[in-house]
Amino acid sequence: MRLFTEHPEAVGETYGEHLHFATSTGLGMVLGGLACMVHGFLPFLCTSTGSRAIVAAYARLSAGAREERMHGFEADFAGSGD
């Protein structure tokens, strides 16, 4: 079981949170890659989709991005108990 929880805990997430984060990030990267392939064949389509996918993935994965996301969630959750 530790194989499934060690890394998520290291980044401050549960297994479910990590699963959602990783799969949604990966899906965005796959779709961005497909858009790049379409753009290669049809250069007038998807002219910035791949670049936007890269920027979005970097923003999600860069140092501190997860901490900011989790801190925002904790702040939202703490404020909802009123």
PDB file of N, CA and C in Angstrom:
ATOM      1  N   MET A   1       0.831  -1.208   0.000  1.00  0.00           N
ATOM      2  CA  MET A   1       0.000   0.000   0.000  1.00  0.00           C
ATOM      3  C   MET A   1       0.868   1.261   0.000  1.00  0.00           C
ATOM      4  N   ARG A   2       2.015   1.175   0.628  1.00  0.00           N
ATOM      5  CA  ARG A   2       2.907   2.340   0.727  1.00  0.00           C
ATOM      6  C   ARG A   2       3.319   2.861  -0.661  1.00  0.00           C
ATOM      7  N   LEU A   3       3.433   1.966  -1.633  1.00  0.00           N
ATOM      8  CA  LEU A   3       3.785   2.382  -2.989  1.00  0.00           C
ATOM      9  C   LEU A   3       2.766   3.368  -3.558  1.00  0.00           C
ATOM     10  N   PHE A   4       1.525   3.255  -3.136  1.00  0.00           N
ATOM     11  CA  PHE A   4       0.457   4.109  -3.645  1.00  0.00           C
ATOM     12  C   PHE A   4       0.319   5.420  -2.874  1.00  0.00           C
ATOM     13  N   THR A   5       0.883   5.490  -1.675  1.00  0.00           N
ATOM     14  CA  THR A   5       0.648   6.668  -0.828  1.00  0.00           C
ATOM     15  C   THR A   5       1.892   7.496  -0.541  1.00  0.00           C
ATOM     16  N   GLU A   6       3.076   6.921  -0.690  1.00  0.00           N
ATOM     17  CA  GLU A   6       4.301   7.632  -0.311  1.00  0.00           C
ATOM     18  C   GLU A   6       4.497   8.924  -1.096  1.00  0.00           C
ATOM     19  N   HIS A   7       4.448   8.858  -2.415  1.00  0.00           N
ATOM     20  CA  HIS A   7       4.650  10.067  -3.219  1.00  0.00           C
ATOM     21  C   HIS A   7       3.512  11.079  -3.031  1.00  0.00           C
ATOM     22  N   PRO A   8       2.241  10.678  -3.104  1.00  0.00           N
ATOM     23  CA  PRO A   8       1.182  11.665  -2.870  1.00  0.00           C
ATOM     24  C   PRO A   8       1.338  12.391  -1.532  1.00  0.00           C
ATOM     25  N   GLU A   9       1.689  11.664  -0.481  1.00  0.00           N
ATOM     26  CA  GLU A   9       1.900  12.298   0.823  1.00  0.00           C
ATOM     27  C   GLU A   9       3.061  13.279   0.774  1.00  0.00           C
ATOM     28  N   ALA A  10       4.103  12.947   0.013  1.00  0.00           N
ATOM     29  CA  ALA A  10       5.271  13.812  -0.092  1.00  0.00           C
ATOM     30  C   ALA A  10       4.941  15.156  -0.736  1.00  0.00           C
ATOM     31  N   VAL A  11       3.908  15.180  -1.567  1.00  0.00           N
ATOM     32  CA  VAL A  11       3.503  16.442  -2.202  1.00  0.00           C
ATOM     33  C   VAL A  11       2.250  17.021  -1.557  1.00  0.00           C
ATOM     34  N   GLY A  12       1.876  16.472  -0.398  1.00  0.00           N
ATOM     35  CA  GLY A  12       0.766  17.036   0.362  1.00  0.00           C
ATOM     36  C   GLY A  12      -0.612  16.707  -0.162  1.00  0.00           C
ATOM     37  N   GLU A  13      -0.746  15.536  -0.791  1.00  0.00           N
ATOM     38  CA  GLU A  13      -2.034  15.140  -1.358  1.00  0.00           C
ATOM     39  C   GLU A  13      -2.414  13.747  -0.877  1.00  0.00           C
ATOM     40  N   THR A  14      -3.700  13.460  -0.944  1.00  0.00           N
ATOM     41  CA  THR A  14      -4.149  12.093  -0.745  1.00  0.00           C
ATOM     42  C   THR A  14      -3.962  11.348  -2.060  1.00  0.00           C
ATOM     43  N   TYR A  15      -4.153  10.039  -2.029  1.00  0.00           N
ATOM     44  CA  TYR A  15      -4.054   9.265  -3.267  1.00  0.00           C
ATOM     45  C   TYR A  15      -5.067   9.766  -4.300  1.00  0.00           C
ATOM     46  N   GLY A  16      -6.306   9.999  -3.859  1.00  0.00           N
ATOM     47  CA  GLY A  16      -7.349  10.472  -4.776  1.00  0.00           C
ATOM     48  C   GLY A  16      -7.037  11.841  -5.359  1.00  0.00           C
ATOM     49  N   GLU A  17      -6.546  12.763  -4.528  1.00  0.00           N
ATOM     50  CA  GLU A  17      -6.173  14.090  -5.026  1.00  0.00           C
ATOM     51  C   GLU A  17      -5.042  13.977  -6.042  1.00  0.00           C
ATOM     52  N   HIS A  18      -4.064  13.129  -5.737  1.00  0.00           N
ATOM     53  CA  HIS A  18      -2.938  12.957  -6.656  1.00  0.00           C
ATOM     54  C   HIS A  18      -3.395  12.326  -7.965  1.00  0.00           C
ATOM     55  N   LEU A  19      -4.273  11.334  -7.879  1.00  0.00           N
ATOM     56  CA  LEU A  19      -4.813  10.692  -9.080  1.00  0.00           C
ATOM     57  C   LEU A  19      -5.505  11.722  -9.963  1.00  0.00           C
ATOM     58  N   HIS A  20      -6.336  12.553  -9.361  1.00  0.00           N
ATOM     59  CA  HIS A  20      -7.051  13.578 -10.127  1.00  0.00           C
ATOM     60  C   HIS A  20      -6.077  14.587 -10.737  1.00  0.00           C
ATOM     61  N   PHE A  21      -5.135  15.054  -9.938  1.00  0.00           N
ATOM     62  CA  PHE A  21      -4.171  16.048 -10.419  1.00  0.00           C
ATOM     63  C   PHE A  21      -3.356  15.489 -11.584  1.00  0.00           C
ATOM     64  N   ALA A  22      -2.799  14.285 -11.403  1.00  0.00           N
ATOM     65  CA  ALA A  22      -1.934  13.707 -12.428  1.00  0.00           C
ATOM     66  C   ALA A  22      -2.701  13.370 -13.704  1.00  0.00           C
ATOM     67  N   THR A  23      -3.890  12.799 -13.569  1.00  0.00           N
ATOM     68  CA  THR A  23      -4.636  12.426 -14.771  1.00  0.00           C
ATOM     69  C   THR A  23      -5.162  13.653 -15.509  1.00  0.00           C
ATOM     70  N   SER A  24      -5.601  14.673 -14.784  1.00  0.00           N
ATOM     71  CA  SER A  24      -6.077  15.873 -15.476  1.00  0.00           C
ATOM     72  C   SER A  24      -4.924  16.610 -16.147  1.00  0.00           C
ATOM     73  N   THR A  25      -3.761  16.640 -15.505  1.00  0.00           N
ATOM     74  CA  THR A  25      -2.587  17.261 -16.128  1.00  0.00           C
ATOM     75  C   THR A  25      -2.166  16.466 -17.354  1.00  0.00           C
ATOM     76  N   GLY A  26      -2.126  15.149 -17.226  1.00  0.00           N
ATOM     77  CA  GLY A  26      -1.752  14.297 -18.355  1.00  0.00           C
ATOM     78  C   GLY A  26      -2.715  14.415 -19.522  1.00  0.00           C
ATOM     79  N   LEU A  27      -3.999  14.491 -19.230  1.00  0.00           N
ATOM     80  CA  LEU A  27      -4.987  14.640 -20.295  1.00  0.00           C
ATOM     81  C   LEU A  27      -4.774  15.949 -21.054  1.00  0.00           C
ATOM     82  N   GLY A  28      -4.511  17.012 -20.318  1.00  0.00           N
ATOM     83  CA  GLY A  28      -4.232  18.296 -20.977  1.00  0.00           C
ATOM     84  C   GLY A  28      -3.008  18.222 -21.868  1.00  0.00           C
ATOM     85  N   MET A  29      -1.987  17.487 -21.413  1.00  0.00           N
ATOM     86  CA  MET A  29      -0.775  17.336 -22.210  1.00  0.00           C
ATOM     87  C   MET A  29      -1.032  16.483 -23.456  1.00  0.00           C
ATOM     88  N   VAL A  30      -1.815  15.412 -23.308  1.00  0.00           N
ATOM     89  CA  VAL A  30      -2.148  14.560 -24.456  1.00  0.00           C
ATOM     90  C   VAL A  30      -2.938  15.362 -25.492  1.00  0.00           C
ATOM     91  N   LEU A  31      -3.932  16.103 -25.036  1.00  0.00           N
ATOM     92  CA  LEU A  31      -4.742  16.905 -25.971  1.00  0.00           C
ATOM     93  C   LEU A  31      -3.886  17.970 -26.650  1.00  0.00           C
ATOM     94  N   GLY A  32      -2.973  18.581 -25.891  1.00  0.00           N
ATOM     95  CA  GLY A  32      -2.055  19.555 -26.483  1.00  0.00           C
ATOM     96  C   GLY A  32      -1.160  18.911 -27.529  1.00  0.00           C
ATOM     97  N   GLY A  33      -0.701  17.695 -27.254  1.00  0.00           N
ATOM     98  CA  GLY A  33       0.123  16.971 -28.219  1.00  0.00           C
ATOM     99  C   GLY A  33      -0.643  16.624 -29.482  1.00  0.00           C
ATOM    100  N   LEU A  34      -1.882  16.203 -29.313  1.00  0.00           N
ATOM    101  CA  LEU A  34      -2.723  15.912 -30.487  1.00  0.00           C
ATOM    102  C   LEU A  34      -2.943  17.177 -31.310  1.00  0.00           C
ATOM    103  N   ALA A  35      -3.146  18.304 -30.622  1.00  0.00           N
ATOM    104  CA  ALA A  35      -3.322  19.570 -31.340  1.00  0.00           C
ATOM    105  C   ALA A  35      -2.058  19.924 -32.122  1.00  0.00           C
ATOM    106  N   CYS A  36      -0.890  19.633 -31.557  1.00  0.00           N
ATOM    107  CA  CYS A  36       0.363  19.880 -32.272  1.00  0.00           C
ATOM    108  C   CYS A  36       0.458  19.025 -33.528  1.00  0.00           C
ATOM    109  N   MET A  37      -0.001  17.785 -33.423  1.00  0.00           N
ATOM    110  CA  MET A  37       0.023  16.897 -34.586  1.00  0.00           C
ATOM    111  C   MET A  37      -0.933  17.386 -35.672  1.00  0.00           C
ATOM    112  N   VAL A  38      -2.117  17.828 -35.272  1.00  0.00           N
ATOM    113  CA  VAL A  38      -3.068  18.396 -36.239  1.00  0.00           C
ATOM    114  C   VAL A  38      -2.446  19.620 -36.898  1.00  0.00           C
ATOM    115  N   HIS A  39      -1.830  20.460 -36.092  1.00  0.00           N
ATOM    116  CA  HIS A  39      -1.189  21.679 -36.607  1.00  0.00           C
ATOM    117  C   HIS A  39      -0.088  21.342 -37.617  1.00  0.00           C
ATOM    118  N   GLY A  40       0.632  20.249 -37.384  1.00  0.00           N
ATOM    119  CA  GLY A  40       1.680  19.853 -38.318  1.00  0.00           C
ATOM    120  C   GLY A  40       1.130  19.558 -39.704  1.00  0.00           C
ATOM    121  N   PHE A  41      -0.023  18.900 -39.757  1.00  0.00           N
ATOM    122  CA  PHE A  41      -0.641  18.578 -41.039  1.00  0.00           C
ATOM    123  C   PHE A  41      -1.416  19.743 -41.624  1.00  0.00           C
ATOM    124  N   LEU A  42      -2.068  20.500 -40.761  1.00  0.00           N
ATOM    125  CA  LEU A  42      -2.913  21.613 -41.193  1.00  0.00           C
ATOM    126  C   LEU A  42      -2.465  22.869 -40.434  1.00  0.00           C
ATOM    127  N   PRO A  43      -1.433  23.547 -40.903  1.00  0.00           N
ATOM    128  CA  PRO A  43      -0.803  24.627 -40.142  1.00  0.00           C
ATOM    129  C   PRO A  43      -1.709  25.811 -39.813  1.00  0.00           C
ATOM    130  N   PHE A  44      -2.839  25.878 -40.439  1.00  0.00           N
ATOM    131  CA  PHE A  44      -3.770  26.976 -40.169  1.00  0.00           C
ATOM    132  C   PHE A  44      -4.690  26.651 -38.991  1.00  0.00           C
ATOM    133  N   LEU A  45      -4.643  25.412 -38.469  1.00  0.00           N
ATOM    134  CA  LEU A  45      -5.440  25.018 -37.309  1.00  0.00           C
ATOM    135  C   LEU A  45      -4.560  24.900 -36.065  1.00  0.00           C
ATOM    136  N   CYS A  46      -5.149  25.088 -34.926  1.00  0.00           N
ATOM    137  CA  CYS A  46      -4.479  24.873 -33.626  1.00  0.00           C
ATOM    138  C   CYS A  46      -3.137  25.612 -33.556  1.00  0.00           C
ATOM    139  N   THR A  47      -3.129  26.861 -33.954  1.00  0.00           N
ATOM    140  CA  THR A  47      -1.867  27.593 -34.046  1.00  0.00           C
ATOM    141  C   THR A  47      -1.228  27.905 -32.701  1.00  0.00           C
ATOM    142  N   SER A  48      -2.001  27.902 -31.620  1.00  0.00           N
ATOM    143  CA  SER A  48      -1.406  28.168 -30.303  1.00  0.00           C
ATOM    144  C   SER A  48      -1.853  27.162 -29.239  1.00  0.00           C
ATOM    145  N   THR A  49      -2.615  26.155 -29.616  1.00  0.00           N
ATOM    146  CA  THR A  49      -3.146  25.197 -28.642  1.00  0.00           C
ATOM    147  C   THR A  49      -2.031  24.435 -27.939  1.00  0.00           C
ATOM    148  N   GLY A  50      -1.045  23.949 -28.675  1.00  0.00           N
ATOM    149  CA  GLY A  50       0.066  23.214 -28.082  1.00  0.00           C
ATOM    150  C   GLY A  50       0.859  24.081 -27.124  1.00  0.00           C
ATOM    151  N   SER A  51       1.122  25.308 -27.520  1.00  0.00           N
ATOM    152  CA  SER A  51       1.859  26.234 -26.647  1.00  0.00           C
ATOM    153  C   SER A  51       1.088  26.513 -25.366  1.00  0.00           C
ATOM    154  N   ARG A  52      -0.212  26.702 -25.488  1.00  0.00           N
ATOM    155  CA  ARG A  52      -1.031  26.936 -24.293  1.00  0.00           C
ATOM    156  C   ARG A  52      -1.022  25.724 -23.368  1.00  0.00           C
ATOM    157  N   ALA A  53      -1.027  24.519 -23.934  1.00  0.00           N
ATOM    158  CA  ALA A  53      -0.985  23.301 -23.120  1.00  0.00           C
ATOM    159  C   ALA A  53       0.334  23.210 -22.359  1.00  0.00           C
ATOM    160  N   ILE A  54       1.424  23.581 -22.993  1.00  0.00           N
ATOM    161  CA  ILE A  54       2.730  23.564 -22.333  1.00  0.00           C
ATOM    162  C   ILE A  54       2.770  24.570 -21.201  1.00  0.00           C
ATOM    163  N   VAL A  55       2.299  25.778 -21.461  1.00  0.00           N
ATOM    164  CA  VAL A  55       2.278  26.818 -20.430  1.00  0.00           C
ATOM    165  C   VAL A  55       1.394  26.393 -19.259  1.00  0.00           C
ATOM    166  N   ALA A  56       0.242  25.806 -19.555  1.00  0.00           N
ATOM    167  CA  ALA A  56      -0.664  25.370 -18.490  1.00  0.00           C
ATOM    168  C   ALA A  56      -0.039  24.245 -17.660  1.00  0.00           C
ATOM    169  N   ALA A  57       0.613  23.292 -18.327  1.00  0.00           N
ATOM    170  CA  ALA A  57       1.263  22.194 -17.596  1.00  0.00           C
ATOM    171  C   ALA A  57       2.390  22.733 -16.729  1.00  0.00           C
ATOM    172  N   TYR A  58       3.178  23.647 -17.260  1.00  0.00           N
ATOM    173  CA  TYR A  58       4.263  24.237 -16.471  1.00  0.00           C
ATOM    174  C   TYR A  58       3.709  24.969 -15.253  1.00  0.00           C
ATOM    175  N   ALA A  59       2.647  25.720 -15.443  1.00  0.00           N
ATOM    176  CA  ALA A  59       2.055  26.464 -14.329  1.00  0.00           C
ATOM    177  C   ALA A  59       1.544  25.517 -13.244  1.00  0.00           C
ATOM    178  N   ARG A  60       0.986  24.384 -13.641  1.00  0.00           N
ATOM    179  CA  ARG A  60       0.481  23.408 -12.662  1.00  0.00           C
ATOM    180  C   ARG A  60       1.593  22.670 -11.949  1.00  0.00           C
ATOM    181  N   LEU A  61       2.703  22.404 -12.658  1.00  0.00           N
ATOM    182  CA  LEU A  61       3.752  21.544 -12.128  1.00  0.00           C
ATOM    183  C   LEU A  61       4.943  22.294 -11.544  1.00  0.00           C
ATOM    184  N   SER A  62       5.038  23.581 -11.785  1.00  0.00           N
ATOM    185  CA  SER A  62       6.203  24.323 -11.316  1.00  0.00           C
ATOM    186  C   SER A  62       6.256  24.372  -9.792  1.00  0.00           C
ATOM    187  N   ALA A  63       7.435  24.630  -9.282  1.00  0.00           N
ATOM    188  CA  ALA A  63       7.641  24.673  -7.829  1.00  0.00           C
ATOM    189  C   ALA A  63       6.681  25.666  -7.190  1.00  0.00           C
ATOM    190  N   GLY A  64       6.002  25.226  -6.163  1.00  0.00           N
ATOM    191  CA  GLY A  64       5.088  26.083  -5.427  1.00  0.00           C
ATOM    192  C   GLY A  64       3.662  26.093  -5.943  1.00  0.00           C
ATOM    193  N   ALA A  65       3.424  25.615  -7.160  1.00  0.00           N
ATOM    194  CA  ALA A  65       2.069  25.679  -7.718  1.00  0.00           C
ATOM    195  C   ALA A  65       1.104  24.806  -6.925  1.00  0.00           C
ATOM    196  N   ARG A  66       1.540  23.621  -6.543  1.00  0.00           N
ATOM    197  CA  ARG A  66       0.671  22.734  -5.765  1.00  0.00           C
ATOM    198  C   ARG A  66       0.397  23.320  -4.393  1.00  0.00           C
ATOM    199  N   GLU A  67       1.425  23.890  -3.773  1.00  0.00           N
ATOM    200  CA  GLU A  67       1.224  24.470  -2.453  1.00  0.00           C
ATOM    201  C   GLU A  67       0.211  25.606  -2.504  1.00  0.00           C
ATOM    202  N   GLU A  68       0.299  26.439  -3.532  1.00  0.00           N
ATOM    203  CA  GLU A  68      -0.662  27.534  -3.688  1.00  0.00           C
ATOM    204  C   GLU A  68      -2.066  26.993  -3.894  1.00  0.00           C
ATOM    205  N   ARG A  69      -2.182  25.948  -4.714  1.00  0.00           N
ATOM    206  CA  ARG A  69      -3.494  25.358  -4.986  1.00  0.00           C
ATOM    207  C   ARG A  69      -4.087  24.769  -3.711  1.00  0.00           C
ATOM    208  N   MET A  70      -3.279  24.033  -2.964  1.00  0.00           N
ATOM    209  CA  MET A  70      -3.774  23.409  -1.736  1.00  0.00           C
ATOM    210  C   MET A  70      -4.066  24.472  -0.682  1.00  0.00           C
ATOM    211  N   HIS A  71      -3.237  25.515  -0.605  1.00  0.00           N
ATOM    212  CA  HIS A  71      -3.486  26.577   0.367  1.00  0.00           C
ATOM    213  C   HIS A  71      -4.807  27.278   0.046  1.00  0.00           C
ATOM    214  N   GLY A  72      -5.052  27.532  -1.231  1.00  0.00           N
ATOM    215  CA  GLY A  72      -6.315  28.152  -1.632  1.00  0.00           C
ATOM    216  C   GLY A  72      -7.501  27.284  -1.294  1.00  0.00           C
ATOM    217  N   PHE A  73      -7.368  25.967  -1.492  1.00  0.00           N
ATOM    218  CA  PHE A  73      -8.443  25.043  -1.152  1.00  0.00           C
ATOM    219  C   PHE A  73      -8.697  25.055   0.347  1.00  0.00           C
ATOM    220  N   GLU A  74      -7.623  25.023   1.138  1.00  0.00           N
ATOM    221  CA  GLU A  74      -7.774  25.032   2.592  1.00  0.00           C
ATOM    222  C   GLU A  74      -8.431  26.316   3.062  1.00  0.00           C
ATOM    223  N   ALA A  75      -8.070  27.445   2.453  1.00  0.00           N
ATOM    224  CA  ALA A  75      -8.678  28.722   2.823  1.00  0.00           C
ATOM    225  C   ALA A  75     -10.163  28.734   2.470  1.00  0.00           C
ATOM    226  N   ASP A  76     -10.500  28.201   1.296  1.00  0.00           N
ATOM    227  CA  ASP A  76     -11.899  28.134   0.887  1.00  0.00           C
ATOM    228  C   ASP A  76     -12.697  27.235   1.809  1.00  0.00           C
ATOM    229  N   PHE A  77     -12.096  26.093   2.160  1.00  0.00           N
ATOM    230  CA  PHE A  77     -12.774  25.131   3.024  1.00  0.00           C
ATOM    231  C   PHE A  77     -12.980  25.704   4.421  1.00  0.00           C
ATOM    232  N   ALA A  78     -11.960  26.390   4.936  1.00  0.00           N
ATOM    233  CA  ALA A  78     -12.072  26.982   6.282  1.00  0.00           C
ATOM    234  C   ALA A  78     -13.147  28.055   6.325  1.00  0.00           C
ATOM    235  N   GLY A  79     -13.300  28.800   5.233  1.00  0.00           N
ATOM    236  CA  GLY A  79     -14.299  29.862   5.197  1.00  0.00           C
ATOM    237  C   GLY A  79     -15.706  29.373   4.975  1.00  0.00           C
ATOM    238  N   SER A  80     -15.874  28.107   4.547  1.00  0.00           N
ATOM    239  CA  SER A  80     -17.219  27.611   4.240  1.00  0.00           C
ATOM    240  C   SER A  80     -17.979  27.134   5.463  1.00  0.00           C
ATOM    241  N   GLY A  81     -17.330  27.115   6.635  1.00  0.00           N
ATOM    242  CA  GLY A  81     -17.994  26.607   7.828  1.00  0.00           C
ATOM    243  C   GLY A  81     -18.853  27.639   8.543  1.00  0.00           C
ATOM    244  N   ASP A  82     -18.958  28.835   8.011  1.00  0.00           N
ATOM    245  CA  ASP A  82     -19.726  29.901   8.658  1.00  0.00           C
ATOM    246  C   ASP A  82     -21.218  29.665   8.603  1.00  0.00           C
TER     247      ASP A  82
END
